[in-house]
Structures are given as structure tokens and as C-alpha cells.
């Protein structure tokens, strides 16, 4: 799989994709994916096949399949959350997605969610 950088464009409700030149480190735009709800935080599965996206506008977490040839994204599903995620990470095996959320006046809490593939 080529090296890819994903960037959340919250105000445009998109995820921008950039190819990374392995030699120079230069970025080249390579596409965008519609992502309604202000994409904010990301995590990539250990096998680099799934991108998890947390949304701030409409609190949710969505999983995307990453095309191994191009890095293009295809939605696998979205789960609504009570509060917007402020941090996402997978466990080492990629079995669980860890999500931290913040509410006004309270601390972040971490909970584990089964991954959607």
C-alpha cells in the first residue's frame, strides 16, 4: 500500500487524501471522501485496512475500508455516540477500538468498542 496521509476538513465535511513521496516526503493531493458531521479524530487499524473517524458536528464514529492500491476510502458503517470522540486508537491486535469522549464539566472516559469490519 502506498503511504497516505488523511486530513479531516471539518468545515467542508470531507476527508482529504494525500500521497506521500517516500523519497522526498512531499505530499500530493490524491482525492477526497465526503464525511458529513465534521470529521475530527482518526485511527488506523494495525493492518492498515480500516480508518476509524470520529465526528464532532454529529457525534459518531465511522469506519472506512482503505483501498490497498490507492488509499481511497469506502464507508463500512457509522455508529452514533452520545458525545463527540476526542481520541481514537485500536488495541495492538485490532480487535477493539478505544474511544475517549469529553462532556462539558466532566473528565474524559475511555471505553472499548468492538471494531466494525
N, C-alpha and C. Protein backbone atom coordinates (compact mmCIF):
# COMPACT_ATOMS: atom_id res chain seq x y z
N UNK A 1 0.84 -1.18 0.00
CA UNK A 1 0.00 0.00 0.00
C UNK A 1 0.88 1.24 0.00
N UNK A 2 0.52 2.25 -0.80
CA UNK A 2 1.30 3.48 -0.81
C UNK A 2 1.15 4.22 0.53
N UNK A 3 2.10 5.09 0.83
CA UNK A 3 1.99 5.90 2.03
C UNK A 3 0.96 6.99 1.78
N UNK A 4 0.01 7.13 2.72
CA UNK A 4 -1.10 8.05 2.55
C UNK A 4 -1.29 8.85 3.84
N UNK A 5 -1.64 10.12 3.68
CA UNK A 5 -2.00 10.99 4.79
C UNK A 5 -3.47 11.35 4.64
N UNK A 6 -4.26 11.16 5.71
CA UNK A 6 -5.67 11.54 5.71
C UNK A 6 -5.82 12.78 6.59
N UNK A 7 -6.58 13.76 6.09
CA UNK A 7 -6.78 15.02 6.81
C UNK A 7 -8.28 15.31 6.88
N UNK A 8 -8.78 15.57 8.09
CA UNK A 8 -10.19 15.91 8.25
C UNK A 8 -10.43 17.38 7.96
N UNK A 9 -11.32 17.64 7.01
CA UNK A 9 -11.72 19.01 6.69
C UNK A 9 -13.09 19.24 7.32
N UNK A 10 -13.08 19.64 8.61
CA UNK A 10 -14.31 19.71 9.39
C UNK A 10 -15.35 20.63 8.77
N UNK A 11 -14.96 21.81 8.34
CA UNK A 11 -15.93 22.77 7.81
C UNK A 11 -16.47 22.37 6.45
N UNK A 12 -15.74 21.53 5.72
CA UNK A 12 -16.18 21.08 4.40
C UNK A 12 -16.81 19.70 4.42
N UNK A 13 -16.84 19.03 5.60
CA UNK A 13 -17.39 17.68 5.73
C UNK A 13 -16.75 16.71 4.74
N UNK A 14 -15.41 16.71 4.73
CA UNK A 14 -14.65 15.84 3.83
C UNK A 14 -13.41 15.32 4.52
N UNK A 15 -12.90 14.22 3.98
CA UNK A 15 -11.58 13.72 4.36
C UNK A 15 -10.71 13.84 3.12
N UNK A 16 -9.66 14.63 3.21
CA UNK A 16 -8.73 14.79 2.08
C UNK A 16 -7.66 13.71 2.18
N UNK A 17 -7.23 13.23 1.02
CA UNK A 17 -6.21 12.18 0.95
C UNK A 17 -5.02 12.71 0.17
N UNK A 18 -3.82 12.49 0.72
CA UNK A 18 -2.58 12.91 0.08
C UNK A 18 -1.63 11.73 -0.03
N UNK A 19 -1.02 11.55 -1.18
CA UNK A 19 0.03 10.57 -1.33
C UNK A 19 1.32 11.17 -0.79
N UNK A 20 2.15 10.34 -0.20
CA UNK A 20 3.43 10.80 0.36
C UNK A 20 4.55 10.17 -0.44
N UNK A 21 5.39 11.01 -1.04
CA UNK A 21 6.55 10.50 -1.78
C UNK A 21 7.56 9.96 -0.78
N UNK A 22 7.88 8.67 -0.89
CA UNK A 22 8.77 8.01 0.08
C UNK A 22 10.17 8.62 0.10
N UNK A 23 10.64 9.10 -1.02
CA UNK A 23 11.99 9.66 -1.09
C UNK A 23 12.09 11.06 -0.55
N UNK A 24 11.19 11.93 -0.98
CA UNK A 24 11.28 13.34 -0.61
C UNK A 24 10.37 13.74 0.54
N UNK A 25 9.34 12.94 0.79
CA UNK A 25 8.37 13.29 1.82
C UNK A 25 7.34 14.30 1.36
N UNK A 26 7.36 14.68 0.09
CA UNK A 26 6.40 15.65 -0.43
C UNK A 26 5.01 15.04 -0.52
N UNK A 27 4.02 15.91 -0.31
CA UNK A 27 2.62 15.49 -0.38
C UNK A 27 2.03 15.86 -1.73
N UNK A 28 1.16 14.99 -2.24
CA UNK A 28 0.43 15.24 -3.48
C UNK A 28 -1.03 14.90 -3.26
N UNK A 29 -1.96 15.86 -3.50
CA UNK A 29 -3.37 15.56 -3.34
C UNK A 29 -3.77 14.36 -4.19
N UNK A 30 -4.54 13.43 -3.60
CA UNK A 30 -4.93 12.24 -4.37
C UNK A 30 -6.42 11.92 -4.26
N UNK A 31 -7.20 12.77 -3.60
CA UNK A 31 -8.63 12.55 -3.56
C UNK A 31 -9.28 13.06 -2.29
N UNK A 32 -10.62 13.04 -2.30
CA UNK A 32 -11.41 13.43 -1.13
C UNK A 32 -12.58 12.46 -0.97
N UNK A 33 -13.04 12.32 0.27
CA UNK A 33 -14.19 11.48 0.58
C UNK A 33 -15.17 12.32 1.37
N UNK A 34 -16.43 12.31 0.99
CA UNK A 34 -17.46 13.01 1.73
C UNK A 34 -17.59 12.39 3.12
N UNK A 35 -17.67 13.25 4.15
CA UNK A 35 -17.73 12.76 5.54
C UNK A 35 -18.57 13.75 6.35
N UNK A 36 -19.88 13.72 6.17
CA UNK A 36 -20.78 14.66 6.83
C UNK A 36 -20.73 14.50 8.34
N UNK A 37 -20.60 15.64 9.05
CA UNK A 37 -20.59 15.62 10.50
C UNK A 37 -19.32 16.15 11.12
N UNK A 38 -18.45 16.80 10.35
CA UNK A 38 -17.20 17.40 10.83
C UNK A 38 -16.20 16.34 11.31
N UNK A 39 -15.53 15.64 10.37
CA UNK A 39 -14.54 14.63 10.76
C UNK A 39 -13.43 15.26 11.59
N UNK A 40 -13.07 14.61 12.68
CA UNK A 40 -12.17 15.22 13.64
C UNK A 40 -10.95 14.36 13.97
N UNK A 41 -11.17 13.24 14.63
CA UNK A 41 -10.05 12.39 15.08
C UNK A 41 -10.03 11.10 14.28
N UNK A 42 -8.82 10.56 14.06
CA UNK A 42 -8.64 9.36 13.25
C UNK A 42 -7.82 8.31 13.98
N UNK A 43 -8.04 7.06 13.58
CA UNK A 43 -7.18 5.95 13.99
C UNK A 43 -7.15 4.97 12.82
N UNK A 44 -6.01 4.33 12.63
CA UNK A 44 -5.86 3.33 11.57
C UNK A 44 -5.65 1.98 12.22
N UNK A 45 -6.31 0.95 11.70
CA UNK A 45 -6.15 -0.40 12.24
C UNK A 45 -4.70 -0.86 12.05
N UNK A 46 -4.23 -1.77 12.90
CA UNK A 46 -2.85 -2.24 12.80
C UNK A 46 -2.50 -2.83 11.42
N UNK A 47 -3.48 -3.42 10.74
CA UNK A 47 -3.20 -4.00 9.42
C UNK A 47 -3.34 -2.96 8.29
N UNK A 48 -3.64 -1.71 8.64
CA UNK A 48 -3.77 -0.58 7.70
C UNK A 48 -4.89 -0.78 6.69
N UNK A 49 -5.90 -1.55 7.05
CA UNK A 49 -7.03 -1.80 6.15
C UNK A 49 -8.27 -0.97 6.49
N UNK A 50 -8.32 -0.43 7.71
CA UNK A 50 -9.50 0.30 8.16
C UNK A 50 -9.08 1.63 8.79
N UNK A 51 -9.80 2.70 8.40
CA UNK A 51 -9.63 4.02 9.02
C UNK A 51 -10.88 4.27 9.85
N UNK A 52 -10.69 4.65 11.11
CA UNK A 52 -11.79 4.99 12.00
C UNK A 52 -11.81 6.51 12.14
N UNK A 53 -13.00 7.10 12.03
CA UNK A 53 -13.13 8.55 12.05
C UNK A 53 -14.15 8.94 13.11
N UNK A 54 -13.76 9.86 13.99
CA UNK A 54 -14.67 10.43 14.97
C UNK A 54 -15.18 11.76 14.46
N UNK A 55 -16.47 12.04 14.70
CA UNK A 55 -17.11 13.26 14.21
C UNK A 55 -17.49 14.18 15.36
N UNK A 56 -17.29 15.49 15.15
CA UNK A 56 -17.63 16.50 16.15
C UNK A 56 -18.99 17.13 15.91
N UNK A 57 -19.37 17.33 14.67
CA UNK A 57 -20.63 18.01 14.37
C UNK A 57 -21.84 17.17 14.74
N UNK A 58 -21.81 15.94 14.32
CA UNK A 58 -22.82 14.94 14.64
C UNK A 58 -22.07 13.82 15.34
N UNK A 59 -22.11 13.76 16.69
CA UNK A 59 -21.28 12.79 17.40
C UNK A 59 -21.46 11.36 16.90
N UNK A 60 -20.38 10.80 16.37
CA UNK A 60 -20.42 9.46 15.80
C UNK A 60 -19.01 8.97 15.55
N UNK A 61 -18.90 7.67 15.27
CA UNK A 61 -17.65 7.05 14.81
C UNK A 61 -18.00 6.25 13.57
N UNK A 62 -17.20 6.43 12.52
CA UNK A 62 -17.43 5.71 11.28
C UNK A 62 -16.17 4.95 10.91
N UNK A 63 -16.35 3.77 10.32
CA UNK A 63 -15.20 3.00 9.84
C UNK A 63 -15.21 3.01 8.31
N UNK A 64 -14.02 3.09 7.73
CA UNK A 64 -13.84 3.09 6.29
C UNK A 64 -12.83 2.02 5.89
N UNK A 65 -13.12 1.30 4.81
CA UNK A 65 -12.14 0.39 4.24
C UNK A 65 -11.17 1.22 3.44
N UNK A 66 -9.87 0.96 3.61
CA UNK A 66 -8.83 1.66 2.86
C UNK A 66 -8.42 0.78 1.69
N UNK A 67 -8.58 1.29 0.47
CA UNK A 67 -8.16 0.54 -0.71
C UNK A 67 -6.64 0.41 -0.69
N UNK A 68 -6.10 -0.83 -0.74
CA UNK A 68 -4.65 -1.02 -0.62
C UNK A 68 -3.85 -0.45 -1.78
N UNK A 69 -4.46 -0.29 -2.94
CA UNK A 69 -3.73 0.23 -4.11
C UNK A 69 -3.69 1.75 -4.14
N UNK A 70 -4.79 2.39 -3.75
CA UNK A 70 -4.87 3.85 -3.91
C UNK A 70 -5.03 4.62 -2.61
N UNK A 71 -5.46 3.96 -1.54
CA UNK A 71 -5.76 4.65 -0.29
C UNK A 71 -7.17 5.22 -0.25
N UNK A 72 -7.96 5.02 -1.32
CA UNK A 72 -9.34 5.52 -1.36
C UNK A 72 -10.16 4.87 -0.24
N UNK A 73 -11.17 5.60 0.23
CA UNK A 73 -11.99 5.16 1.35
C UNK A 73 -13.39 4.75 0.93
N UNK A 74 -13.89 3.67 1.54
CA UNK A 74 -15.27 3.22 1.34
C UNK A 74 -15.88 3.01 2.72
N UNK A 75 -17.02 3.65 2.98
CA UNK A 75 -17.65 3.54 4.29
C UNK A 75 -18.10 2.12 4.57
N UNK A 76 -17.82 1.66 5.80
CA UNK A 76 -18.27 0.35 6.27
C UNK A 76 -19.43 0.47 7.24
N UNK A 77 -19.64 1.67 7.79
CA UNK A 77 -20.73 1.87 8.73
C UNK A 77 -20.41 2.96 9.73
N UNK A 78 -21.46 3.48 10.33
CA UNK A 78 -21.34 4.57 11.29
C UNK A 78 -22.18 4.24 12.52
N UNK A 79 -21.65 4.59 13.70
CA UNK A 79 -22.34 4.38 14.97
C UNK A 79 -22.45 5.73 15.66
N UNK A 80 -23.67 6.11 16.04
CA UNK A 80 -23.87 7.36 16.77
C UNK A 80 -23.31 7.21 18.18
N UNK A 81 -22.76 8.30 18.71
CA UNK A 81 -22.26 8.33 20.08
C UNK A 81 -22.96 9.46 20.83
N UNK A 82 -23.01 9.36 22.15
CA UNK A 82 -23.68 10.39 22.93
C UNK A 82 -22.91 11.70 22.89
N UNK A 83 -21.58 11.61 22.93
CA UNK A 83 -20.72 12.80 22.89
C UNK A 83 -19.65 12.58 21.83
N UNK A 84 -19.09 13.67 21.32
CA UNK A 84 -18.12 13.50 20.26
C UNK A 84 -16.82 12.90 20.78
N UNK A 85 -16.21 12.03 19.99
CA UNK A 85 -14.93 11.42 20.37
C UNK A 85 -13.80 12.46 20.31
N UNK A 86 -12.93 12.42 21.30
CA UNK A 86 -11.77 13.32 21.30
C UNK A 86 -10.48 12.56 21.04
N UNK A 87 -10.55 11.23 21.06
CA UNK A 87 -9.38 10.39 20.83
C UNK A 87 -9.85 9.01 20.38
N UNK A 88 -9.16 8.44 19.40
CA UNK A 88 -9.43 7.07 18.94
C UNK A 88 -8.12 6.32 18.82
N UNK A 89 -8.14 5.05 19.16
CA UNK A 89 -6.98 4.16 18.98
C UNK A 89 -7.48 2.72 18.98
N UNK A 90 -6.75 1.86 18.30
CA UNK A 90 -7.08 0.43 18.35
C UNK A 90 -6.12 -0.26 19.31
N UNK A 91 -6.54 -1.44 19.79
CA UNK A 91 -5.60 -2.25 20.55
C UNK A 91 -4.59 -2.84 19.55
N UNK A 92 -3.55 -3.47 20.03
CA UNK A 92 -2.48 -3.98 19.16
C UNK A 92 -2.97 -5.01 18.14
N UNK A 93 -3.98 -5.78 18.51
CA UNK A 93 -4.49 -6.81 17.61
C UNK A 93 -5.53 -6.26 16.64
N UNK A 94 -6.03 -5.06 16.89
CA UNK A 94 -7.07 -4.50 16.05
C UNK A 94 -8.44 -5.05 16.34
N UNK A 95 -8.59 -5.70 17.49
CA UNK A 95 -9.87 -6.29 17.85
C UNK A 95 -10.84 -5.25 18.43
N UNK A 96 -10.30 -4.26 19.13
CA UNK A 96 -11.13 -3.24 19.77
C UNK A 96 -10.70 -1.85 19.35
N UNK A 97 -11.68 -0.96 19.30
CA UNK A 97 -11.42 0.45 19.08
C UNK A 97 -11.65 1.16 20.41
N UNK A 98 -10.68 1.93 20.85
CA UNK A 98 -10.78 2.67 22.10
C UNK A 98 -11.17 4.10 21.78
N UNK A 99 -12.15 4.62 22.49
CA UNK A 99 -12.66 5.96 22.24
C UNK A 99 -12.73 6.74 23.54
N UNK A 100 -12.14 7.93 23.55
CA UNK A 100 -12.27 8.83 24.69
C UNK A 100 -13.24 9.92 24.29
N UNK A 101 -14.16 10.25 25.19
CA UNK A 101 -15.13 11.31 24.93
C UNK A 101 -15.07 12.32 26.06
N UNK A 102 -15.46 13.55 25.77
CA UNK A 102 -15.46 14.61 26.76
C UNK A 102 -16.81 15.29 26.78
N UNK A 103 -17.31 15.51 27.96
CA UNK A 103 -18.53 16.30 28.14
C UNK A 103 -18.13 17.54 28.92
N UNK A 104 -18.85 18.62 28.72
CA UNK A 104 -18.58 19.85 29.46
C UNK A 104 -18.67 19.58 30.95
N UNK A 105 -17.64 19.97 31.68
CA UNK A 105 -17.64 19.84 33.13
C UNK A 105 -17.27 18.46 33.65
N UNK A 106 -16.92 17.52 32.78
CA UNK A 106 -16.53 16.19 33.25
C UNK A 106 -15.22 15.78 32.59
N UNK A 107 -14.58 14.79 33.14
CA UNK A 107 -13.35 14.26 32.58
C UNK A 107 -13.64 13.34 31.42
N UNK A 108 -12.59 13.08 30.66
CA UNK A 108 -12.71 12.10 29.56
C UNK A 108 -12.85 10.71 30.15
N UNK A 109 -13.59 9.88 29.47
CA UNK A 109 -13.67 8.48 29.87
C UNK A 109 -13.31 7.63 28.66
N UNK A 110 -12.67 6.52 28.91
CA UNK A 110 -12.28 5.63 27.82
C UNK A 110 -13.13 4.38 27.89
N UNK A 111 -13.61 3.98 26.74
CA UNK A 111 -14.39 2.76 26.68
C UNK A 111 -13.96 2.00 25.43
N UNK A 112 -14.19 0.73 25.43
CA UNK A 112 -13.80 -0.07 24.26
C UNK A 112 -15.04 -0.44 23.46
N UNK A 113 -14.87 -0.45 22.17
CA UNK A 113 -15.96 -0.79 21.25
C UNK A 113 -15.44 -1.89 20.34
N UNK A 114 -16.27 -2.85 19.99
CA UNK A 114 -15.89 -3.85 19.02
C UNK A 114 -15.70 -3.19 17.66
N UNK A 115 -14.72 -3.57 16.93
CA UNK A 115 -14.48 -2.98 15.61
C UNK A 115 -15.51 -3.47 14.62
N UNK A 116 -15.76 -2.63 13.63
CA UNK A 116 -16.67 -2.98 12.53
C UNK A 116 -15.84 -3.16 11.29
N UNK A 117 -15.84 -4.36 10.71
CA UNK A 117 -15.04 -4.59 9.51
C UNK A 117 -15.90 -5.06 8.38
